[in-house]
Amino acid sequence: MTSFAQNAIAVLKLLPRATLILMLLAAPVLAVPTMRTNAGSTIEAPALKKNGIGLVLLVSLQRG
């Protein structure tokens, strides 16, 4: 066998494994546009109540 034939066989043996790895890496990237089309699936946290401690902290820092 020539070295070209040996190289071709080696590449053909690695091709299925490389294809599988590329598919696994590309799957999340290709899934992002399908998730963005559905705008109704956004979950938002409730707004936090303001306790007013910032004013007390500001006044106490100005006294010292």
PDB file of N, CA and C in Angstrom:
ATOM      1  N   MET A   1       0.830  -1.198   0.000  1.00  0.00           N
ATOM      2  CA  MET A   1       0.000   0.000   0.000  1.00  0.00           C
ATOM      3  C   MET A   1       0.863   1.246   0.000  1.00  0.00           C
ATOM      4  N   THR A   2       0.400   2.224  -0.690  1.00  0.00           N
ATOM      5  CA  THR A   2       1.149   3.474  -0.720  1.00  0.00           C
ATOM      6  C   THR A   2       0.794   4.315   0.490  1.00  0.00           C
ATOM      7  N   SER A   3       1.592   5.308   0.719  1.00  0.00           N
ATOM      8  CA  SER A   3       1.320   6.168   1.869  1.00  0.00           C
ATOM      9  C   SER A   3       0.041   6.977   1.662  1.00  0.00           C
ATOM     10  N   PHE A   4      -0.279   7.280   0.405  1.00  0.00           N
ATOM     11  CA  PHE A   4      -1.528   7.993   0.130  1.00  0.00           C
ATOM     12  C   PHE A   4      -2.732   7.143   0.506  1.00  0.00           C
ATOM     13  N   ALA A   5      -2.679   5.874   0.196  1.00  0.00           N
ATOM     14  CA  ALA A   5      -3.777   4.964   0.532  1.00  0.00           C
ATOM     15  C   ALA A   5      -3.891   4.795   2.040  1.00  0.00           C
ATOM     16  N   GLN A   6      -2.775   4.729   2.719  1.00  0.00           N
ATOM     17  CA  GLN A   6      -2.799   4.609   4.176  1.00  0.00           C
ATOM     18  C   GLN A   6      -3.392   5.867   4.810  1.00  0.00           C
ATOM     19  N   ASN A   7      -3.024   7.023   4.280  1.00  0.00           N
ATOM     20  CA  ASN A   7      -3.581   8.272   4.802  1.00  0.00           C
ATOM     21  C   ASN A   7      -5.078   8.365   4.530  1.00  0.00           C
ATOM     22  N   ALA A   8      -5.500   7.932   3.354  1.00  0.00           N
ATOM     23  CA  ALA A   8      -6.915   7.971   3.010  1.00  0.00           C
ATOM     24  C   ALA A   8      -7.730   7.057   3.918  1.00  0.00           C
ATOM     25  N   ILE A   9      -7.206   5.881   4.211  1.00  0.00           N
ATOM     26  CA  ILE A   9      -7.896   4.950   5.107  1.00  0.00           C
ATOM     27  C   ILE A   9      -7.972   5.523   6.520  1.00  0.00           C
ATOM     28  N   ALA A  10      -6.906   6.155   6.980  1.00  0.00           N
ATOM     29  CA  ALA A  10      -6.900   6.756   8.312  1.00  0.00           C
ATOM     30  C   ALA A  10      -7.930   7.886   8.409  1.00  0.00           C
ATOM     31  N   VAL A  11      -8.030   8.690   7.360  1.00  0.00           N
ATOM     32  CA  VAL A  11      -9.009   9.781   7.356  1.00  0.00           C
ATOM     33  C   VAL A  11     -10.422   9.224   7.347  1.00  0.00           C
ATOM     34  N   LEU A  12     -10.655   8.191   6.570  1.00  0.00           N
ATOM     35  CA  LEU A  12     -11.986   7.595   6.501  1.00  0.00           C
ATOM     36  C   LEU A  12     -12.389   6.935   7.813  1.00  0.00           C
ATOM     37  N   LYS A  13     -11.429   6.450   8.579  1.00  0.00           N
ATOM     38  CA  LYS A  13     -11.728   5.870   9.887  1.00  0.00           C
ATOM     39  C   LYS A  13     -12.095   6.958  10.901  1.00  0.00           C
ATOM     40  N   LEU A  14     -11.478   8.123  10.779  1.00  0.00           N
ATOM     41  CA  LEU A  14     -11.742   9.214  11.717  1.00  0.00           C
ATOM     42  C   LEU A  14     -12.970  10.039  11.345  1.00  0.00           C
ATOM     43  N   LEU A  15     -13.425   9.940  10.129  1.00  0.00           N
ATOM     44  CA  LEU A  15     -14.528  10.771   9.648  1.00  0.00           C
ATOM     45  C   LEU A  15     -15.829  10.573  10.429  1.00  0.00           C
ATOM     46  N   PRO A  16     -16.286   9.348  10.724  1.00  0.00           N
ATOM     47  CA  PRO A  16     -17.531   9.210  11.490  1.00  0.00           C
ATOM     48  C   PRO A  16     -17.433   9.790  12.903  1.00  0.00           C
ATOM     49  N   ARG A  17     -16.288   9.602  13.540  1.00  0.00           N
ATOM     50  CA  ARG A  17     -16.115  10.133  14.892  1.00  0.00           C
ATOM     51  C   ARG A  17     -16.099  11.666  14.877  1.00  0.00           C
ATOM     52  N   ALA A  18     -15.422  12.241  13.900  1.00  0.00           N
ATOM     53  CA  ALA A  18     -15.372  13.699  13.797  1.00  0.00           C
ATOM     54  C   ALA A  18     -16.750  14.263  13.484  1.00  0.00           C
ATOM     55  N   THR A  19     -17.524  13.584  12.650  1.00  0.00           N
ATOM     56  CA  THR A  19     -18.874  14.036  12.331  1.00  0.00           C
ATOM     57  C   THR A  19     -19.756  14.005  13.568  1.00  0.00           C
ATOM     58  N   LEU A  20     -19.655  12.955  14.359  1.00  0.00           N
ATOM     59  CA  LEU A  20     -20.448  12.851  15.582  1.00  0.00           C
ATOM     60  C   LEU A  20     -20.101  13.962  16.566  1.00  0.00           C
ATOM     61  N   ILE A  21     -18.822  14.234  16.748  1.00  0.00           N
ATOM     62  CA  ILE A  21     -18.399  15.298  17.669  1.00  0.00           C
ATOM     63  C   ILE A  21     -18.888  16.653  17.186  1.00  0.00           C
ATOM     64  N   LEU A  22     -18.795  16.919  15.893  1.00  0.00           N
ATOM     65  CA  LEU A  22     -19.275  18.193  15.359  1.00  0.00           C
ATOM     66  C   LEU A  22     -20.787  18.342  15.515  1.00  0.00           C
ATOM     67  N   MET A  23     -21.522  17.253  15.356  1.00  0.00           N
ATOM     68  CA  MET A  23     -22.976  17.311  15.534  1.00  0.00           C
ATOM     69  C   MET A  23     -23.331  17.599  16.986  1.00  0.00           C
ATOM     70  N   LEU A  24     -22.598  16.988  17.924  1.00  0.00           N
ATOM     71  CA  LEU A  24     -22.868  17.230  19.342  1.00  0.00           C
ATOM     72  C   LEU A  24     -22.536  18.673  19.738  1.00  0.00           C
ATOM     73  N   LEU A  25     -21.498  19.229  19.143  1.00  0.00           N
ATOM     74  CA  LEU A  25     -21.139  20.609  19.454  1.00  0.00           C
ATOM     75  C   LEU A  25     -22.070  21.611  18.786  1.00  0.00           C
ATOM     76  N   ALA A  26     -22.613  21.282  17.631  1.00  0.00           N
ATOM     77  CA  ALA A  26     -23.460  22.209  16.901  1.00  0.00           C
ATOM     78  C   ALA A  26     -24.913  22.179  17.366  1.00  0.00           C
ATOM     79  N   ALA A  27     -25.339  21.133  18.039  1.00  0.00           N
ATOM     80  CA  ALA A  27     -26.747  21.000  18.433  1.00  0.00           C
ATOM     81  C   ALA A  27     -27.236  22.161  19.308  1.00  0.00           C
ATOM     82  N   PRO A  28     -26.517  22.571  20.372  1.00  0.00           N
ATOM     83  CA  PRO A  28     -27.017  23.702  21.171  1.00  0.00           C
ATOM     84  C   PRO A  28     -27.053  25.015  20.382  1.00  0.00           C
ATOM     85  N   VAL A  29     -26.087  25.211  19.517  1.00  0.00           N
ATOM     86  CA  VAL A  29     -26.048  26.447  18.729  1.00  0.00           C
ATOM     87  C   VAL A  29     -27.228  26.506  17.770  1.00  0.00           C
ATOM     88  N   LEU A  30     -27.576  25.376  17.181  1.00  0.00           N
ATOM     89  CA  LEU A  30     -28.694  25.342  16.252  1.00  0.00           C
ATOM     90  C   LEU A  30     -30.036  25.372  16.968  1.00  0.00           C
ATOM     91  N   ALA A  31     -30.087  25.028  18.250  1.00  0.00           N
ATOM     92  CA  ALA A  31     -31.340  25.032  19.002  1.00  0.00           C
ATOM     93  C   ALA A  31     -31.704  26.416  19.508  1.00  0.00           C
ATOM     94  N   VAL A  32     -30.775  27.354  19.578  1.00  0.00           N
ATOM     95  CA  VAL A  32     -31.049  28.688  20.113  1.00  0.00           C
ATOM     96  C   VAL A  32     -32.084  29.446  19.299  1.00  0.00           C
ATOM     97  N   PRO A  33     -32.031  29.495  17.978  1.00  0.00           N
ATOM     98  CA  PRO A  33     -33.064  30.242  17.243  1.00  0.00           C
ATOM     99  C   PRO A  33     -34.469  29.692  17.445  1.00  0.00           C
ATOM    100  N   THR A  34     -34.612  28.398  17.648  1.00  0.00           N
ATOM    101  CA  THR A  34     -35.939  27.844  17.867  1.00  0.00           C
ATOM    102  C   THR A  34     -36.469  28.221  19.243  1.00  0.00           C
ATOM    103  N   MET A  35     -35.617  28.396  20.212  1.00  0.00           N
ATOM    104  CA  MET A  35     -36.065  28.801  21.549  1.00  0.00           C
ATOM    105  C   MET A  35     -36.440  30.277  21.572  1.00  0.00           C
ATOM    106  N   ARG A  36     -35.793  31.101  20.773  1.00  0.00           N
ATOM    107  CA  ARG A  36     -36.079  32.533  20.785  1.00  0.00           C
ATOM    108  C   ARG A  36     -37.369  32.896  20.076  1.00  0.00           C
ATOM    109  N   THR A  37     -37.900  32.022  19.254  1.00  0.00           N
ATOM    110  CA  THR A  37     -39.122  32.346  18.541  1.00  0.00           C
ATOM    111  C   THR A  37     -40.323  32.340  19.461  1.00  0.00           C
ATOM    112  N   ASN A  38     -40.277  31.596  20.555  1.00  0.00           N
ATOM    113  CA  ASN A  38     -41.389  31.535  21.488  1.00  0.00           C
ATOM    114  C   ASN A  38     -41.142  32.543  22.608  1.00  0.00           C
ATOM    115  N   ALA A  39     -41.741  33.721  22.509  1.00  0.00           N
ATOM    116  CA  ALA A  39     -41.510  34.777  23.499  1.00  0.00           C
ATOM    117  C   ALA A  39     -42.335  34.553  24.761  1.00  0.00           C
ATOM    118  N   GLY A  40     -43.309  33.678  24.733  1.00  0.00           N
ATOM    119  CA  GLY A  40     -44.164  33.451  25.888  1.00  0.00           C
ATOM    120  C   GLY A  40     -43.548  32.573  26.949  1.00  0.00           C
ATOM    121  N   SER A  41     -42.373  32.044  26.736  1.00  0.00           N
ATOM    122  CA  SER A  41     -41.769  31.149  27.712  1.00  0.00           C
ATOM    123  C   SER A  41     -40.819  31.865  28.669  1.00  0.00           C
ATOM    124  N   THR A  42     -40.847  33.188  28.710  1.00  0.00           N
ATOM    125  CA  THR A  42     -39.961  33.930  29.597  1.00  0.00           C
ATOM    126  C   THR A  42     -40.513  33.909  31.011  1.00  0.00           C
ATOM    127  N   ILE A  43     -39.676  33.552  31.964  1.00  0.00           N
ATOM    128  CA  ILE A  43     -40.074  33.534  33.373  1.00  0.00           C
ATOM    129  C   ILE A  43     -39.363  34.692  34.054  1.00  0.00           C
ATOM    130  N   GLU A  44     -40.135  35.565  34.652  1.00  0.00           N
ATOM    131  CA  GLU A  44     -39.549  36.725  35.324  1.00  0.00           C
ATOM    132  C   GLU A  44     -39.783  36.617  36.816  1.00  0.00           C
ATOM    133  N   ALA A  45     -38.840  37.116  37.583  1.00  0.00           N
ATOM    134  CA  ALA A  45     -38.958  37.116  39.037  1.00  0.00           C
ATOM    135  C   ALA A  45     -39.855  38.272  39.460  1.00  0.00           C
ATOM    136  N   PRO A  46     -40.559  38.112  40.576  1.00  0.00           N
ATOM    137  CA  PRO A  46     -41.389  39.224  41.055  1.00  0.00           C
ATOM    138  C   PRO A  46     -40.522  40.390  41.514  1.00  0.00           C
ATOM    139  N   ALA A  47     -41.046  41.585  41.407  1.00  0.00           N
ATOM    140  CA  ALA A  47     -40.299  42.776  41.813  1.00  0.00           C
ATOM    141  C   ALA A  47     -40.125  42.784  43.325  1.00  0.00           C
ATOM    142  N   LEU A  48     -38.925  43.137  43.768  1.00  0.00           N
ATOM    143  CA  LEU A  48     -38.643  43.178  45.197  1.00  0.00           C
ATOM    144  C   LEU A  48     -39.186  44.472  45.816  1.00  0.00           C
ATOM    145  N   LYS A  49     -39.669  44.346  47.053  1.00  0.00           N
ATOM    146  CA  LYS A  49     -40.125  45.544  47.762  1.00  0.00           C
ATOM    147  C   LYS A  49     -38.920  46.344  48.225  1.00  0.00           C
ATOM    148  N   LYS A  50     -39.025  47.642  48.156  1.00  0.00           N
ATOM    149  CA  LYS A  50     -37.945  48.497  48.647  1.00  0.00           C
ATOM    150  C   LYS A  50     -38.151  48.715  50.136  1.00  0.00           C
ATOM    151  N   ASN A  51     -37.104  48.467  50.914  1.00  0.00           N
ATOM    152  CA  ASN A  51     -37.209  48.574  52.366  1.00  0.00           C
ATOM    153  C   ASN A  51     -36.785  49.944  52.883  1.00  0.00           C
ATOM    154  N   GLY A  52     -36.125  50.746  52.098  1.00  0.00           N
ATOM    155  CA  GLY A  52     -35.740  52.077  52.534  1.00  0.00           C
ATOM    156  C   GLY A  52     -34.494  52.106  53.392  1.00  0.00           C
ATOM    157  N   ILE A  53     -33.736  51.043  53.460  1.00  0.00           N
ATOM    158  CA  ILE A  53     -32.543  51.027  54.306  1.00  0.00           C
ATOM    159  C   ILE A  53     -31.419  51.860  53.707  1.00  0.00           C
ATOM    160  N   GLY A  54     -31.501  52.155  52.416  1.00  0.00           N
ATOM    161  CA  GLY A  54     -30.455  52.941  51.782  1.00  0.00           C
ATOM    162  C   GLY A  54     -30.361  54.342  52.346  1.00  0.00           C
ATOM    163  N   LEU A  55     -31.499  54.961  52.641  1.00  0.00           N
ATOM    164  CA  LEU A  55     -31.501  56.314  53.206  1.00  0.00           C
ATOM    165  C   LEU A  55     -30.900  56.310  54.609  1.00  0.00           C
ATOM    166  N   VAL A  56     -31.248  55.323  55.417  1.00  0.00           N
ATOM    167  CA  VAL A  56     -30.697  55.220  56.764  1.00  0.00           C
ATOM    168  C   VAL A  56     -29.199  55.019  56.710  1.00  0.00           C
ATOM    169  N   LEU A  57     -28.736  54.198  55.789  1.00  0.00           N
ATOM    170  CA  LEU A  57     -27.310  53.953  55.647  1.00  0.00           C
ATOM    171  C   LEU A  57     -26.586  55.213  55.176  1.00  0.00           C
ATOM    172  N   LEU A  58     -27.179  55.962  54.276  1.00  0.00           N
ATOM    173  CA  LEU A  58     -26.577  57.192  53.774  1.00  0.00           C
ATOM    174  C   LEU A  58     -26.452  58.232  54.881  1.00  0.00           C
ATOM    175  N   VAL A  59     -27.481  58.394  55.682  1.00  0.00           N
ATOM    176  CA  VAL A  59     -27.452  59.373  56.777  1.00  0.00           C
ATOM    177  C   VAL A  59     -26.428  58.967  57.832  1.00  0.00           C
ATOM    178  N   SER A  60     -26.356  57.678  58.147  1.00  0.00           N
ATOM    179  CA  SER A  60     -25.414  57.249  59.172  1.00  0.00           C
ATOM    180  C   SER A  60     -23.960  57.377  58.690  1.00  0.00           C
ATOM    181  N   LEU A  61     -23.722  57.223  57.422  1.00  0.00           N
ATOM    182  CA  LEU A  61     -22.361  57.387  56.922  1.00  0.00           C
ATOM    183  C   LEU A  61     -21.951  58.847  56.879  1.00  0.00           C
ATOM    184  N   GLN A  62     -22.891  59.766  56.677  1.00  0.00           N
ATOM    185  CA  GLN A  62     -22.556  61.176  56.637  1.00  0.00           C
ATOM    186  C   GLN A  62     -22.265  61.715  58.026  1.00  0.00           C
ATOM    187  N   ARG A  63     -22.813  61.111  59.075  1.00  0.00           N
ATOM    188  CA  ARG A  63     -22.579  61.590  60.428  1.00  0.00           C
ATOM    189  C   ARG A  63     -21.146  61.302  60.890  1.00  0.00           C
ATOM    190  N   GLY A  64     -20.565  60.177  60.443  1.00  0.00           N
ATOM    191  CA  GLY A  64     -19.247  59.742  60.929  1.00  0.00           C
ATOM    192  C   GLY A  64     -18.184  60.444  60.237  1.00  0.00           C
TER     193      GLY A  64
END
